Amino acid sequence: MAGIESARLKGESRTRWLLISPALLVVIIGAIAPLLIIVIYSFLTPGPTGGVDFTLSFDAWTRVLFDRDVFDETLTLSATNLEILLRSLTLSLVTTLLCLLVGFPTAYFIATRNPINREVWLLLVTVPFWTNLLIRTFAIQDLIRNEGIINTLLLKAGLISAPIQMLFTNFAICLGLVYVYLPLMILPIYASLERLDRNLLEAASDLYARPFRVLWEVIVPLSKPGIIAGAILVFIPSIGTYVTPILLGGGRNLMIGNYIELQFGQGRDWPFGSALSLTLMGFVMVALLIYIRHGDTRGHEHG
């Protein structure tokens, strides 16, 4: 009997592996293999006309933060690389914060409407996703350029005497990122607020809690999962964005996504581009670990 049971279990195990093998193959080919290639490239030397030369080198990783002097090979902090990394991180964090400040009240407003109106508002929030990202970015460009709608209205109103330079600045990039990724903040927060027990709000009011205290001590803690999920959904794509800095930053305010593209394109320095790509992935992993840690904390609290 033991032998029959063991054979049965082995057969079930083989069946499970056969069933999941297509998914495993897709993951290996589509995710693990490209990542492994990038990791290997980051420890090689650049080829003479692009590509890589299969000679082990740690120079690409060194150049992420340092510049090497061509004469005595001393290392100094790379002002350019640090500026790009800091700009990417700062703009992504500011974008996430602004999306939260705008997205939370918007999500709360939608969640407190009646079901019919709620569906209409949700539809309006998702409408931008029906349009290509490139077109939406061009729309922002037309709004804030010197001859754009905003400057034209301000000039006609007499509030300014000359156009305000908004395009090709960090402000323009941040504005574009907020516009593009705001729905990704609203929807998770709405999902949390929509399930909120309204009896808790009434109980807090019955206990003479002021509206701000109800918001801060009842609504915000209960919507925390949606806030964290929205922050992750906004931060991750915004730190690696490519189109928005090119169109709204004018190529002068590069973010790390643009810098990576330059290394694989005009720079023909694939090892350095690979090291920068893995650095970007490190930022993303830190954000995901923060999200997982908060999730585990909530799980322990409920336990």
Protein backbone atom coordinates (compact mmCIF):
# COMPACT_ATOMS: atom_id res chain seq x y z
CA MET A 1 0.00 0.00 0.00
CA ALA A 2 2.83 2.41 0.83
CA GLY A 3 4.37 1.86 -2.61
CA ILE A 4 1.05 2.51 -4.35
CA GLU A 5 0.50 5.70 -2.33
CA SER A 6 4.03 6.89 -3.12
CA ALA A 7 3.54 6.25 -6.83
CA ARG A 8 0.24 8.13 -6.74
CA LEU A 9 1.84 11.13 -5.07
CA LYS A 10 4.69 11.15 -7.61
CA GLY A 11 2.17 11.01 -10.44
CA GLU A 12 0.23 13.95 -9.00
CA SER A 13 3.47 15.90 -8.57
CA ARG A 14 4.45 15.27 -12.20
CA THR A 15 0.98 16.34 -13.33
CA ARG A 16 1.22 19.61 -11.37
CA TRP A 17 4.65 20.36 -12.84
CA LEU A 18 3.37 19.63 -16.34
CA LEU A 19 0.42 21.98 -15.81
CA ILE A 20 2.53 24.88 -14.57
CA SER A 21 5.42 24.32 -16.99
CA PRO A 22 4.02 26.69 -19.68
CA ALA A 23 3.76 29.51 -17.12
CA LEU A 24 7.25 28.74 -15.81
CA LEU A 25 8.61 28.80 -19.36
CA VAL A 26 7.06 32.22 -19.98
CA VAL A 27 8.51 33.58 -16.72
CA ILE A 28 11.97 32.18 -17.50
CA ILE A 29 12.05 33.46 -21.09
CA GLY A 30 10.26 36.77 -20.46
CA ALA A 31 11.64 37.80 -17.07
CA ILE A 32 14.47 35.75 -15.61
CA ALA A 33 16.58 35.32 -18.76
CA PRO A 34 16.61 39.04 -19.75
CA LEU A 35 17.39 40.03 -16.16
CA LEU A 36 20.23 37.51 -16.04
CA ILE A 37 21.63 38.92 -19.29
CA ILE A 38 21.55 42.46 -17.88
CA VAL A 39 23.32 41.28 -14.71
CA ILE A 40 26.06 39.59 -16.76
CA TYR A 41 26.46 42.62 -19.06
CA SER A 42 26.94 44.92 -16.07
CA PHE A 43 30.18 43.04 -15.20
CA LEU A 44 31.67 43.19 -18.69
CA THR A 45 33.49 45.85 -20.72
CA PRO A 46 31.96 47.89 -23.55
CA GLY A 47 32.51 46.71 -27.10
CA PRO A 48 34.34 48.99 -29.55
CA THR A 49 31.17 49.76 -31.57
CA GLY A 50 28.47 48.84 -29.07
CA GLY A 51 27.55 45.59 -27.41
CA VAL A 52 29.93 44.05 -24.91
CA ASP A 53 33.38 42.55 -24.78
CA PHE A 54 33.40 39.42 -22.63
CA THR A 55 36.11 40.67 -20.29
CA LEU A 56 35.29 40.83 -16.59
CA SER A 57 35.17 44.39 -15.25
CA PHE A 58 33.57 46.26 -12.35
CA ASP A 59 34.05 49.63 -14.03
CA ALA A 60 30.35 49.98 -14.98
CA TRP A 61 29.27 49.69 -11.35
CA THR A 62 32.00 52.07 -10.22
CA ARG A 63 30.82 54.68 -12.74
CA VAL A 64 27.28 54.69 -11.34
CA LEU A 65 28.48 56.91 -8.51
CA PHE A 66 32.06 57.85 -9.41
CA ASP A 67 34.09 59.40 -12.23
CA ARG A 68 37.59 58.08 -12.93
CA ASP A 69 40.31 60.61 -13.78
CA VAL A 70 41.84 59.86 -17.20
CA PHE A 71 45.39 60.67 -16.00
CA ASP A 72 45.85 59.20 -12.53
CA GLU A 73 42.62 57.09 -12.38
CA THR A 74 41.55 58.61 -9.06
CA LEU A 75 37.84 58.37 -8.26
CA THR A 76 35.59 61.33 -7.51
CA LEU A 77 31.85 61.45 -6.99
CA SER A 78 30.06 61.85 -10.31
CA ALA A 79 28.07 65.08 -10.09
CA THR A 80 26.14 64.27 -13.28
CA ASN A 81 25.07 60.78 -12.26
CA LEU A 82 24.19 61.83 -8.73
CA GLU A 83 22.15 64.75 -10.08
CA ILE A 84 20.19 62.46 -12.40
CA LEU A 85 19.60 59.86 -9.69
CA LEU A 86 18.58 62.52 -7.16
CA ARG A 87 16.30 64.23 -9.71
CA SER A 88 14.61 60.93 -10.54
CA LEU A 89 14.07 60.05 -6.90
CA THR A 90 12.91 63.57 -5.95
CA LEU A 91 10.48 63.99 -8.83
CA SER A 92 9.04 60.53 -8.22
CA LEU A 93 8.50 61.20 -4.50
CA VAL A 94 7.01 64.66 -5.18
CA THR A 95 4.75 63.15 -7.85
CA THR A 96 3.59 60.47 -5.41
CA LEU A 97 2.91 63.06 -2.70
CA LEU A 98 0.97 65.38 -5.05
CA CYS A 99 -1.04 62.46 -6.41
CA LEU A 100 -1.92 61.53 -2.83
CA LEU A 101 -2.93 65.08 -1.92
CA VAL A 102 -5.19 65.30 -4.98
CA GLY A 103 -6.21 61.66 -5.19
CA PHE A 104 -7.37 61.09 -1.60
CA PRO A 105 -10.09 63.78 -1.51
CA THR A 106 -11.10 62.81 -5.05
CA ALA A 107 -11.44 59.16 -4.07
CA TYR A 108 -13.37 60.10 -0.92
CA PHE A 109 -15.72 62.29 -2.93
CA ILE A 110 -16.42 59.45 -5.37
CA ALA A 111 -16.84 56.87 -2.61
CA THR A 112 -19.48 58.99 -0.84
CA ARG A 113 -21.68 59.47 -3.94
CA ASN A 114 -24.71 57.31 -4.67
CA PRO A 115 -24.00 54.20 -6.78
CA ILE A 116 -25.17 55.70 -10.09
CA ASN A 117 -23.16 58.92 -9.78
CA ARG A 118 -20.22 56.90 -8.48
CA GLU A 119 -20.01 54.95 -11.72
CA VAL A 120 -20.05 58.17 -13.74
CA TRP A 121 -17.19 59.67 -11.71
CA LEU A 122 -15.16 56.46 -11.96
CA LEU A 123 -15.67 56.52 -15.71
CA LEU A 124 -14.35 60.09 -15.86
CA VAL A 125 -11.29 59.09 -13.83
CA THR A 126 -10.46 56.24 -16.19
CA VAL A 127 -11.13 58.19 -19.42
CA PRO A 128 -7.46 59.38 -19.70
CA PHE A 129 -6.38 55.73 -19.98
CA TRP A 130 -8.30 55.54 -23.24
CA THR A 131 -5.80 57.95 -24.79
CA ASN A 132 -2.19 57.18 -25.64
CA LEU A 133 0.40 58.42 -23.12
CA LEU A 134 2.22 60.33 -25.85
CA ILE A 135 -0.91 62.28 -26.80
CA ARG A 136 -1.66 63.13 -23.17
CA THR A 137 1.89 64.41 -22.70
CA PHE A 138 1.62 66.57 -25.83
CA ALA A 139 -1.62 67.99 -24.37
CA ILE A 140 0.23 69.08 -21.22
CA GLN A 141 2.96 70.56 -23.41
CA ASP A 142 0.37 72.66 -25.26
CA LEU A 143 -1.04 73.92 -21.96
CA ILE A 144 2.21 75.17 -20.41
CA ARG A 145 4.37 76.33 -23.34
CA ASN A 146 5.06 80.05 -23.67
CA GLU A 147 2.30 80.46 -26.26
CA GLY A 148 0.07 77.92 -24.53
CA ILE A 149 -3.36 78.25 -22.98
CA ILE A 150 -2.21 79.09 -19.43
CA ASN A 151 0.23 81.84 -20.42
CA THR A 152 -2.24 83.26 -22.93
CA LEU A 153 -4.99 83.53 -20.31
CA LEU A 154 -2.64 85.07 -17.75
CA LEU A 155 -1.40 87.63 -20.28
CA LYS A 156 -4.94 88.59 -21.33
CA ALA A 157 -5.95 88.92 -17.67
CA GLY A 158 -3.04 91.27 -17.06
CA LEU A 159 -1.61 89.09 -14.30
CA ILE A 160 1.77 88.76 -16.01
CA SER A 161 3.66 90.96 -18.46
CA ALA A 162 5.67 88.17 -20.11
CA PRO A 163 5.12 84.43 -20.52
CA ILE A 164 6.20 82.27 -17.61
CA GLN A 165 8.77 79.66 -18.59
CA MET A 166 7.11 76.42 -17.46
CA LEU A 167 8.01 74.06 -20.28
CA PHE A 168 11.38 72.26 -20.19
CA THR A 169 11.64 72.51 -16.39
CA ASN A 170 11.36 70.10 -13.48
CA PHE A 171 7.96 71.66 -12.77
CA ALA A 172 6.75 70.61 -16.22
CA ILE A 173 7.98 67.05 -15.73
CA CYS A 174 6.31 66.80 -12.31
CA LEU A 175 3.05 68.24 -13.67
CA GLY A 176 3.07 65.74 -16.52
CA LEU A 177 3.77 62.82 -14.18
CA VAL A 178 0.96 63.84 -11.82
CA TYR A 179 -1.48 64.12 -14.72
CA VAL A 180 -0.46 60.75 -16.16
CA TYR A 181 -0.38 58.71 -12.95
CA LEU A 182 -3.10 60.36 -10.83
CA PRO A 183 -5.74 57.71 -11.69
CA LEU A 184 -3.38 55.04 -10.34
CA MET A 185 -3.61 56.76 -6.95
CA ILE A 186 -7.35 57.43 -7.00
CA LEU A 187 -8.55 53.92 -7.84
CA PRO A 188 -6.82 51.94 -5.01
CA ILE A 189 -7.81 54.55 -2.42
CA TYR A 190 -11.39 54.50 -3.73
CA ALA A 191 -11.41 50.69 -3.40
CA SER A 192 -10.49 51.04 0.30
CA LEU A 193 -12.92 53.90 1.02
CA GLU A 194 -15.79 52.23 -0.83
CA ARG A 195 -15.68 49.36 1.70
CA LEU A 196 -15.47 51.73 4.66
CA ASP A 197 -18.07 51.07 7.35
CA ARG A 198 -20.05 54.33 7.62
CA ASN A 199 -21.19 53.35 11.13
CA LEU A 200 -17.66 54.04 12.35
CA LEU A 201 -17.88 57.62 11.09
CA GLU A 202 -21.24 58.10 12.76
CA ALA A 203 -19.88 56.65 16.01
CA ALA A 204 -16.92 59.04 15.92
CA SER A 205 -19.27 61.99 15.36
CA ASP A 206 -21.51 60.83 18.23
CA LEU A 207 -18.42 60.93 20.44
CA TYR A 208 -17.97 64.61 19.48
CA ALA A 209 -14.93 64.04 17.31
CA ARG A 210 -14.23 66.98 15.01
CA PRO A 211 -14.26 66.31 11.24
CA PHE A 212 -10.48 66.60 10.96
CA ARG A 213 -9.99 64.11 13.81
CA VAL A 214 -12.44 61.70 12.18
CA LEU A 215 -10.46 62.00 8.98
CA TRP A 216 -7.06 61.55 10.60
CA GLU A 217 -7.88 58.88 13.18
CA VAL A 218 -10.62 56.88 11.44
CA ILE A 219 -10.72 57.35 7.68
CA VAL A 220 -6.98 57.55 6.94
CA PRO A 221 -5.98 54.45 9.00
CA LEU A 222 -8.77 52.37 7.46
CA SER A 223 -7.80 53.46 3.94
CA LYS A 224 -4.08 52.85 4.56
CA PRO A 225 -3.90 49.74 2.31
CA GLY A 226 -5.24 51.76 -0.62
CA ILE A 227 -2.89 54.67 0.11
CA ILE A 228 0.18 52.41 0.18
CA ALA A 229 -0.90 50.53 -2.95
CA GLY A 230 -1.54 53.81 -4.78
CA ALA A 231 1.82 55.21 -3.70
CA ILE A 232 3.60 52.13 -5.04
CA LEU A 233 1.64 52.21 -8.31
CA VAL A 234 2.62 55.86 -8.83
CA PHE A 235 6.21 55.76 -7.58
CA ILE A 236 7.42 52.73 -9.55
CA PRO A 237 6.44 53.86 -13.07
CA SER A 238 7.28 57.53 -12.41
CA ILE A 239 10.88 56.85 -11.35
CA GLY A 240 11.55 54.93 -14.55
CA THR A 241 9.51 57.10 -16.90
CA TYR A 242 10.97 57.94 -20.29
CA VAL A 243 8.50 59.87 -22.48
CA THR A 244 7.50 62.63 -20.05
CA PRO A 245 11.03 63.95 -19.26
CA ILE A 246 11.93 63.95 -22.96
CA LEU A 247 8.87 65.94 -24.07
CA LEU A 248 8.38 68.20 -21.04
CA GLY A 249 12.00 68.40 -19.87
CA GLY A 250 13.37 69.06 -23.32
CA GLY A 251 16.26 66.64 -22.88
CA ARG A 252 17.94 68.98 -20.39
CA ASN A 253 16.33 67.52 -17.27
CA LEU A 254 17.09 63.84 -17.72
CA MET A 255 15.75 61.14 -15.46
CA ILE A 256 17.32 57.74 -15.00
CA GLY A 257 15.12 56.13 -17.68
CA ASN A 258 16.42 58.60 -20.28
CA TYR A 259 19.99 58.15 -19.07
CA ILE A 260 19.73 54.37 -19.48
CA GLU A 261 18.40 54.77 -23.04
CA LEU A 262 21.35 57.04 -23.87
CA GLN A 263 23.83 54.37 -22.79
CA PHE A 264 22.25 51.67 -24.94
CA GLY A 265 21.75 54.09 -27.84
CA GLN A 266 24.12 56.97 -28.52
CA GLY A 267 26.57 56.09 -25.75
CA ARG A 268 27.00 52.46 -26.92
CA ASP A 269 27.99 51.57 -23.37
CA TRP A 270 25.87 48.54 -22.62
CA PRO A 271 27.61 47.53 -19.35
CA PHE A 272 27.05 50.99 -17.86
CA GLY A 273 23.44 51.01 -19.10
CA SER A 274 22.95 47.59 -17.51
CA ALA A 275 24.39 48.79 -14.19
CA LEU A 276 22.07 51.81 -14.26
CA SER A 277 19.11 49.53 -15.06
CA LEU A 278 19.88 47.36 -12.04
CA THR A 279 20.28 50.49 -9.90
CA LEU A 280 16.80 51.56 -10.99
CA MET A 281 15.52 48.10 -10.16
CA GLY A 282 17.07 48.49 -6.72
CA PHE A 283 14.96 51.61 -6.09
CA VAL A 284 11.87 49.67 -7.17
CA MET A 285 12.75 46.73 -4.91
CA VAL A 286 13.14 49.05 -1.92
CA ALA A 287 9.66 50.47 -2.61
CA LEU A 288 8.20 46.97 -2.87
CA LEU A 289 9.93 45.85 0.35
CA ILE A 290 8.42 48.84 2.16
CA TYR A 291 5.00 47.83 0.83
CA ILE A 292 5.51 44.17 1.91
CA ARG A 293 6.71 45.25 5.35
CA HIS A 294 3.63 47.40 5.89
CA GLY A 295 1.46 44.52 4.71
CA ASP A 296 3.11 42.16 7.18
CA THR A 297 2.67 44.75 9.95
CA ARG A 298 -1.05 44.98 9.22
CA GLY A 299 -1.25 41.22 9.23
CA HIS A 300 0.39 41.02 12.69
CA GLU A 301 -1.85 43.76 14.01
CA HIS A 302 -4.97 41.94 12.87
CA GLY A 303 -3.60 38.67 14.20
